[in-house]
């Protein structure tokens, strides 16, 4: 199964509710570095530390899952690597695992708390005077901005307005919750810090996200869009703004889901055309060399994608095909892809699994979900087989 490869979308991500041998059902994106697993064990004949030696500390980095000495028989008395951090219960997320959180005060928040985190107030028990991420969204218990829109870091925990930071609410569950990612002042198509982000650095404003390759130190602030506005019947209707530099934008749908819980995210990409996999006709234009384009899927949530010249050939639905073909005469027609779900490669038609009257009714077989990537089943669309 091919997918569109025009853009490497990099979000600062981390798992808030899961780790290692224990897992939680809920995850939110943020930048967490996993604990080291390649550390050498001490030699068997190592001398024990003197009684008055400083307390040993582990390798767990800030915001990662930890285990304190009270609940484990380990060689260290504090899992946290940062001397200013302790293994703390995340009281704002009942049932979640403990994490290494740096100490802070309201006066030291700007310097003590890493980018995209705030200092929790004394009213929050174990998390009092500790740095942690900020949740956002429309849920009554959060009430901080809108998923896919603007938010304020710290608003949901009652921080004074002078201690809050502007942010963008990266959706985890549409209309309910997300992660408030700290924003700056860099506007669309400006250069932004990507490798290392810091408060006061080159950070995108509340209507854009920093996009670039995983290894890049800097990226470009690109506007966010709502791919739900794309009309699946026609492929038209993305809500990207007018580009500032004279080229065109297309809304790339990079939404994700856990079960039926959807987090919608869209990025406006330069000089591409958004499209629908199940549109009645092919709305993708020819390339400058006259080659056909089809609609390449970019996400497992809905039947949206980007026009791509590796798609949209001449082979009819259900025709035997070669998945590596590069010419129109050997590629599958618009609205299908060369896949093997029945024992041989054939052009399987895309279809929608939405409730009510489907846009595509399978002429043969039924519309079934499939893995767009490993362990990433399509949710509201599939293929006829």
Protein backbone atom coordinates (compact mmCIF):
# COMPACT_ATOMS: atom_id res chain seq x y z
CA UNK A 1 0.00 0.00 0.00
CA UNK A 2 1.51 3.31 -1.09
CA UNK A 3 0.92 6.57 0.75
CA UNK A 4 1.68 10.16 -0.17
CA UNK A 5 5.32 10.99 0.47
CA UNK A 6 5.50 14.69 -0.21
CA UNK A 7 5.85 15.90 3.37
CA UNK A 8 7.54 14.82 6.53
CA UNK A 9 5.33 16.24 9.26
CA UNK A 10 7.15 16.54 12.57
CA UNK A 11 5.30 17.17 15.79
CA UNK A 12 6.89 17.50 19.18
CA UNK A 13 5.39 14.35 20.70
CA UNK A 14 5.32 12.14 23.74
CA UNK A 15 3.10 9.63 25.46
CA UNK A 16 1.38 11.14 28.46
CA UNK A 17 -0.45 8.08 29.69
CA UNK A 18 1.64 5.05 28.77
CA UNK A 19 5.01 3.39 29.18
CA UNK A 20 7.01 0.21 28.97
CA UNK A 21 5.43 -2.84 30.52
CA UNK A 22 2.36 -0.89 31.62
CA UNK A 23 0.17 0.84 29.11
CA UNK A 24 -2.64 3.33 29.23
CA UNK A 25 -5.27 3.71 26.55
CA UNK A 26 -4.68 7.41 26.08
CA UNK A 27 -1.75 9.14 24.41
CA UNK A 28 -1.02 12.73 23.61
CA UNK A 29 1.75 14.13 21.43
CA UNK A 30 4.79 15.97 23.03
CA UNK A 31 8.58 15.66 22.91
CA UNK A 32 9.68 12.88 25.21
CA UNK A 33 12.99 11.04 24.98
CA UNK A 34 12.79 7.37 26.00
CA UNK A 35 14.93 6.21 28.91
CA UNK A 36 18.29 4.69 28.01
CA UNK A 37 18.24 0.93 27.59
CA UNK A 38 21.86 0.47 26.57
CA UNK A 39 23.49 1.38 29.86
CA UNK A 40 26.25 -1.02 30.96
CA UNK A 41 25.57 -2.89 34.25
CA UNK A 42 28.11 -2.35 37.05
CA UNK A 43 30.82 -5.02 37.33
CA UNK A 44 30.01 -7.83 39.74
CA UNK A 45 32.98 -6.97 41.95
CA UNK A 46 32.21 -3.26 42.11
CA UNK A 47 32.84 -1.66 45.49
CA UNK A 48 29.67 -0.53 47.31
CA UNK A 49 29.36 3.24 47.72
CA UNK A 50 30.38 4.68 51.08
CA UNK A 51 27.58 5.22 53.56
CA UNK A 52 27.80 9.00 53.23
CA UNK A 53 27.81 8.95 49.38
CA UNK A 54 25.26 11.18 47.59
CA UNK A 55 21.96 9.49 46.69
CA UNK A 56 22.20 7.65 43.38
CA UNK A 57 20.01 8.87 40.52
CA UNK A 58 18.73 7.03 37.49
CA UNK A 59 18.57 7.73 33.78
CA UNK A 60 14.94 8.82 33.41
CA UNK A 61 14.64 12.20 31.72
CA UNK A 62 12.14 14.92 32.55
CA UNK A 63 8.48 14.04 31.79
CA UNK A 64 9.28 10.34 31.22
CA UNK A 65 7.72 7.49 33.20
CA UNK A 66 9.55 6.73 36.46
CA UNK A 67 9.40 4.50 39.53
CA UNK A 68 10.27 5.95 42.93
CA UNK A 69 12.27 4.04 45.53
CA UNK A 70 9.22 3.57 47.74
CA UNK A 71 7.61 1.24 45.21
CA UNK A 72 10.57 -0.66 43.78
CA UNK A 73 13.66 -2.48 44.97
CA UNK A 74 16.09 -0.83 42.59
CA UNK A 75 19.74 0.17 42.63
CA UNK A 76 18.90 3.86 42.60
CA UNK A 77 16.95 5.92 45.09
CA UNK A 78 15.52 8.25 42.46
CA UNK A 79 14.84 7.28 38.86
CA UNK A 80 15.07 10.88 37.67
CA UNK A 81 18.29 12.03 36.04
CA UNK A 82 17.71 15.76 36.61
CA UNK A 83 18.77 16.72 40.18
CA UNK A 84 15.90 19.22 40.22
CA UNK A 85 13.30 16.56 39.40
CA UNK A 86 11.41 13.95 41.40
CA UNK A 87 9.16 11.02 40.53
CA UNK A 88 5.70 12.51 40.93
CA UNK A 89 2.14 11.24 40.64
CA UNK A 90 0.23 12.94 37.80
CA UNK A 91 -2.83 13.86 39.84
CA UNK A 92 -4.58 15.67 36.97
CA UNK A 93 -4.76 12.37 35.05
CA UNK A 94 -6.24 9.78 37.46
CA UNK A 95 -4.67 6.34 37.14
CA UNK A 96 -1.66 7.47 35.11
CA UNK A 97 1.91 6.42 35.86
CA UNK A 98 4.37 8.65 37.72
CA UNK A 99 6.74 10.93 35.80
CA UNK A 100 9.94 12.85 36.48
CA UNK A 101 8.87 16.47 36.97
CA UNK A 102 11.19 19.44 37.55
CA UNK A 103 10.69 21.67 40.59
CA UNK A 104 9.54 25.27 40.03
CA UNK A 105 7.81 28.28 41.49
CA UNK A 106 5.63 30.90 39.88
CA UNK A 107 8.62 33.24 39.90
CA UNK A 108 10.98 30.73 38.23
CA UNK A 109 8.53 29.22 35.71
CA UNK A 110 10.09 30.91 32.66
CA UNK A 111 13.48 29.36 33.30
CA UNK A 112 12.72 26.24 35.39
CA UNK A 113 9.95 24.81 33.21
CA UNK A 114 10.89 23.48 29.76
CA UNK A 115 9.20 24.75 26.62
CA UNK A 116 5.47 23.86 26.42
CA UNK A 117 5.16 23.28 30.17
CA UNK A 118 4.01 25.41 33.12
CA UNK A 119 4.46 25.45 36.89
CA UNK A 120 1.50 23.78 38.62
CA UNK A 121 0.05 25.72 41.59
CA UNK A 122 0.13 24.63 45.24
CA UNK A 123 -3.53 23.59 45.08
CA UNK A 124 -2.70 20.53 42.96
CA UNK A 125 -1.29 18.21 45.62
CA UNK A 126 1.65 16.09 44.52
CA UNK A 127 2.10 18.20 41.38
CA UNK A 128 2.36 21.46 43.33
CA UNK A 129 5.37 23.51 42.25
CA UNK A 130 6.22 21.03 39.50
CA UNK A 131 6.47 21.65 35.76
CA UNK A 132 4.07 19.72 33.54
CA UNK A 133 2.28 19.94 30.23
CA UNK A 134 -0.98 21.80 29.74
CA UNK A 135 -4.18 20.15 28.54
CA UNK A 136 -6.72 21.89 26.35
CA UNK A 137 -10.07 21.36 24.71
CA UNK A 138 -13.79 21.72 25.18
CA UNK A 139 -14.36 19.03 27.84
CA UNK A 140 -15.98 20.53 30.94
CA UNK A 141 -13.15 19.45 33.23
CA UNK A 142 -10.60 21.17 30.92
CA UNK A 143 -12.39 24.17 29.38
CA UNK A 144 -9.27 25.56 27.70
CA UNK A 145 -9.66 26.67 24.08
CA UNK A 146 -10.78 24.44 21.21
CA UNK A 147 -9.20 21.31 19.76
CA UNK A 148 -7.49 22.33 16.54
CA UNK A 149 -7.53 25.98 17.62
CA UNK A 150 -6.06 28.41 20.13
CA UNK A 151 -5.50 27.66 23.83
CA UNK A 152 -3.60 29.09 26.80
CA UNK A 153 -1.04 27.00 28.65
CA UNK A 154 -2.06 26.86 32.30
CA UNK A 155 -5.60 28.17 31.88
CA UNK A 156 -7.15 24.78 32.75
CA UNK A 157 -5.36 24.68 36.13
CA UNK A 158 -6.22 28.27 37.04
CA UNK A 159 -2.83 29.93 36.58
CA UNK A 160 -2.98 33.76 36.65
CA UNK A 161 -3.14 35.25 33.15
CA UNK A 162 0.38 36.65 33.54
CA UNK A 163 1.71 33.13 34.03
CA UNK A 164 -0.06 31.63 30.99
CA UNK A 165 1.44 31.23 27.52
CA UNK A 166 -0.42 31.26 24.17
CA UNK A 167 -0.63 27.90 22.43
CA UNK A 168 -2.19 25.70 19.76
CA UNK A 169 -4.45 22.84 20.90
CA UNK A 170 -3.22 19.71 19.13
CA UNK A 171 -6.27 17.47 19.16
CA UNK A 172 -6.23 14.09 20.81
CA UNK A 173 -10.01 13.70 20.87
CA UNK A 174 -11.94 16.10 18.66
CA UNK A 175 -14.24 18.39 20.62
CA UNK A 176 -12.90 17.12 23.94
CA UNK A 177 -9.18 17.18 24.68
CA UNK A 178 -5.73 17.86 23.34
CA UNK A 179 -2.27 19.11 24.21
CA UNK A 180 -1.70 22.86 24.41
CA UNK A 181 1.55 23.36 22.48
CA UNK A 182 3.33 26.61 23.28
CA UNK A 183 3.27 29.17 20.48
CA UNK A 184 5.43 32.14 19.57
CA UNK A 185 5.21 34.92 17.03
CA UNK A 186 6.62 33.45 13.79
CA UNK A 187 3.94 33.71 11.08
CA UNK A 188 3.15 31.42 8.13
CA UNK A 189 6.19 30.42 6.04
CA UNK A 190 8.64 31.89 8.54
CA UNK A 191 11.62 29.84 9.76
CA UNK A 192 11.09 28.09 13.11
CA UNK A 193 13.17 26.11 15.60
CA UNK A 194 12.54 22.40 15.25
CA UNK A 195 15.45 20.45 16.72
CA UNK A 196 15.56 22.36 20.01
CA UNK A 197 12.67 24.59 21.01
CA UNK A 198 12.98 27.13 23.78
CA UNK A 199 10.86 29.86 25.28
CA UNK A 200 11.64 33.06 23.41
CA UNK A 201 13.05 31.17 20.41
CA UNK A 202 11.76 31.12 16.85
CA UNK A 203 8.37 29.50 17.55
CA UNK A 204 5.30 29.40 15.30
CA UNK A 205 2.23 31.45 16.14
CA UNK A 206 -1.11 29.95 17.23
CA UNK A 207 -2.34 29.35 13.66
CA UNK A 208 0.70 27.47 12.32
CA UNK A 209 2.87 24.43 13.14
CA UNK A 210 6.60 23.95 12.60
CA UNK A 211 7.10 21.42 9.79
CA UNK A 212 10.34 19.83 8.64
CA UNK A 213 12.35 16.63 8.35
CA UNK A 214 12.98 14.62 11.54
CA UNK A 215 16.71 15.43 11.60
CA UNK A 216 16.39 19.15 10.79
CA UNK A 217 17.26 21.84 13.32
CA UNK A 218 14.83 24.28 11.72
CA UNK A 219 11.56 24.04 9.85
CA UNK A 220 8.91 26.25 8.28
CA UNK A 221 5.73 27.48 10.00
CA UNK A 222 2.84 26.20 7.91
CA UNK A 223 -0.84 27.11 8.49
CA UNK A 224 -3.14 24.55 10.05
CA UNK A 225 -6.35 23.56 8.26
CA UNK A 226 -9.41 21.43 8.94
CA UNK A 227 -9.55 18.47 6.54
CA UNK A 228 -13.14 17.81 7.62
CA UNK A 229 -14.13 20.65 5.28
CA UNK A 230 -12.99 18.65 2.23
CA UNK A 231 -16.07 17.43 0.34
CA UNK A 232 -15.62 13.68 -0.13
CA UNK A 233 -18.02 13.68 -3.10
CA UNK A 234 -15.97 16.19 -5.06
CA UNK A 235 -12.61 16.57 -3.30
CA UNK A 236 -13.11 20.33 -3.08
CA UNK A 237 -13.36 22.69 -0.13
CA UNK A 238 -10.23 22.68 2.00
CA UNK A 239 -10.00 25.78 4.21
CA UNK A 240 -6.35 26.74 3.75
CA UNK A 241 -5.75 30.52 3.70
CA UNK A 242 -4.41 32.38 0.71
CA UNK A 243 -0.62 31.76 0.55
CA UNK A 244 1.54 34.80 1.33
CA UNK A 245 4.10 34.11 -1.40
CA UNK A 246 1.96 33.54 -4.47
CA UNK A 247 1.98 29.73 -4.75
CA UNK A 248 -0.89 27.40 -3.84
CA UNK A 249 -1.82 25.46 -0.71
CA UNK A 250 -3.44 22.07 -0.26
CA UNK A 251 -4.70 20.70 3.07
CA UNK A 252 -2.83 17.53 4.01
CA UNK A 253 -4.89 15.42 6.40
CA UNK A 254 -2.55 13.92 9.03
CA UNK A 255 -5.25 12.95 11.51
CA UNK A 256 -4.93 9.85 13.69
CA UNK A 257 -7.19 7.65 15.77
CA UNK A 258 -7.15 5.24 18.68
CA UNK A 259 -10.10 2.93 18.19
CA UNK A 260 -12.92 5.30 17.25
CA UNK A 261 -11.41 8.29 19.08
CA UNK A 262 -10.17 10.75 16.44
CA UNK A 263 -7.66 13.58 16.68
CA UNK A 264 -8.01 15.75 13.59
CA UNK A 265 -4.93 17.61 12.34
CA UNK A 266 -4.43 19.24 8.95
CA UNK A 267 -1.42 21.08 7.52
CA UNK A 268 -1.48 23.46 4.55
CA UNK A 269 1.27 22.31 2.20
CA UNK A 270 2.81 24.36 -0.59
CA UNK A 271 1.94 23.61 -4.21
CA UNK A 272 -0.16 20.48 -3.72
CA UNK A 273 -3.85 19.74 -4.27
CA UNK A 274 -6.03 18.05 -1.66
CA UNK A 275 -8.47 15.45 -2.93
CA UNK A 276 -10.95 12.71 -2.03
CA UNK A 277 -10.26 9.01 -2.59
CA UNK A 278 -13.95 8.37 -3.23
CA UNK A 279 -14.89 11.40 -5.37
CA UNK A 280 -17.15 10.75 -8.34
CA UNK A 281 -14.52 12.01 -10.80
CA UNK A 282 -10.78 12.59 -10.73
CA UNK A 283 -10.23 16.23 -9.78
CA UNK A 284 -6.43 15.95 -9.80
CA UNK A 285 -4.77 17.87 -12.65
CA UNK A 286 -2.23 16.45 -15.08
CA UNK A 287 1.44 17.05 -14.30
CA UNK A 288 3.48 19.52 -16.35
CA UNK A 289 4.58 16.56 -18.51
CA UNK A 290 1.02 15.37 -19.08
CA UNK A 291 1.08 12.43 -16.67
CA UNK A 292 -2.12 11.56 -14.85
CA UNK A 293 -2.39 12.07 -11.11
CA UNK A 294 -4.58 10.24 -8.64
CA UNK A 295 -5.47 10.76 -4.99
CA UNK A 296 -2.90 9.31 -2.58
CA UNK A 297 -4.17 8.65 0.97
CA UNK A 298 -2.40 10.53 3.78
CA UNK A 299 -4.27 9.26 6.85
CA UNK A 300 -6.26 6.31 8.13
CA UNK A 301 -9.19 8.34 9.53
CA UNK A 302 -11.00 9.60 6.44
CA UNK A 303 -10.86 9.19 2.67
CA UNK A 304 -8.78 12.31 2.01
CA UNK A 305 -5.37 12.68 0.43
CA UNK A 306 -3.13 14.62 -1.94
CA UNK A 307 -2.85 14.46 -5.73
CA UNK A 308 0.17 12.39 -6.74
CA UNK A 309 1.57 11.29 -10.10
CA UNK A 310 2.24 7.78 -8.78
CA UNK A 311 -1.52 7.29 -8.73
CA UNK A 312 -4.36 7.56 -11.23
CA UNK A 313 -3.39 5.35 -14.18
CA UNK A 314 -5.43 3.41 -16.74
CA UNK A 315 -6.02 -0.02 -15.16
CA UNK A 316 -9.68 -0.58 -14.29
CA UNK A 317 -11.02 -1.72 -10.91
CA UNK A 318 -10.27 -5.41 -10.11
CA UNK A 319 -7.65 -5.62 -12.86
CA UNK A 320 -4.44 -7.55 -12.12
CA UNK A 321 -1.66 -5.07 -11.42
CA UNK A 322 1.99 -4.61 -10.43
CA UNK A 323 2.46 -2.56 -7.25
CA UNK A 324 5.79 -1.09 -8.43
CA UNK A 325 4.50 0.16 -11.82
CA UNK A 326 5.44 3.75 -12.76
CA UNK A 327 3.60 4.39 -16.04
CA UNK A 328 -0.05 5.32 -16.53
CA UNK A 329 -0.76 2.19 -18.58
CA UNK A 330 0.36 -0.03 -15.72
CA UNK A 331 -1.02 1.92 -12.75
CA UNK A 332 -4.49 1.62 -11.23
CA UNK A 333 -7.25 4.04 -12.17
CA UNK A 334 -8.19 6.96 -9.90
CA UNK A 335 -9.97 5.81 -6.76
CA UNK A 336 -8.06 2.55 -6.38
CA UNK A 337 -4.68 1.09 -5.55
CA UNK A 338 -2.75 -2.07 -6.34
CA UNK A 339 -3.18 -4.23 -3.21
CA UNK A 340 -3.20 -7.91 -2.31
CA UNK A 341 -6.01 -8.76 0.09
CA UNK A 342 -7.34 -11.75 -1.88
CA UNK A 343 -4.21 -13.72 -2.79
CA UNK A 344 -3.07 -11.68 -5.80
CA UNK A 345 -2.42 -8.04 -6.67
CA UNK A 346 -5.37 -6.24 -8.18
CA UNK A 347 -6.73 -2.70 -8.37
CA UNK A 348 -8.96 -2.50 -5.29
CA UNK A 349 -11.48 0.34 -5.36
CA UNK A 350 -11.55 2.70 -2.39
CA UNK A 351 -14.87 3.01 -0.57
CA UNK A 352 -16.30 4.80 2.44
CA UNK A 353 -17.53 3.16 5.63
CA UNK A 354 -19.43 6.17 6.95
CA UNK A 355 -22.95 5.67 8.25
CA UNK A 356 -25.94 6.41 6.06
CA UNK A 357 -25.69 6.32 2.27
CA UNK A 358 -22.09 5.61 1.18
CA UNK A 359 -20.56 7.64 -1.62
CA UNK A 360 -19.04 4.51 -3.15
CA UNK A 361 -21.10 1.32 -3.34
CA UNK A 362 -18.90 -1.70 -4.08
CA UNK A 363 -19.93 -3.38 -7.35
CA UNK A 364 -18.46 -6.64 -6.09
CA UNK A 365 -17.73 -7.68 -2.51
CA UNK A 366 -18.03 -5.35 0.46
CA UNK A 367 -16.21 -2.30 1.78
CA UNK A 368 -13.65 -3.46 4.34
CA UNK A 369 -11.06 -1.69 6.45
CA UNK A 370 -7.36 -2.46 5.98
CA UNK A 371 -4.05 -1.41 7.57
CA UNK A 372 -2.81 1.74 5.85
CA UNK A 373 0.40 1.21 7.83
CA UNK A 374 1.36 -1.35 10.44
CA UNK A 375 -1.29 -1.44 13.19
CA UNK A 376 -3.06 1.57 11.62
CA UNK A 377 -6.41 0.33 10.29
CA UNK A 378 -8.54 2.63 8.18
CA UNK A 379 -11.50 3.93 10.17
CA UNK A 380 -14.10 5.58 7.93
CA UNK A 381 -12.96 4.14 4.60
CA UNK A 382 -11.54 0.95 3.10
CA UNK A 383 -11.41 -1.04 -0.13
CA UNK A 384 -13.88 -3.21 -2.03
CA UNK A 385 -13.14 -6.92 -1.82
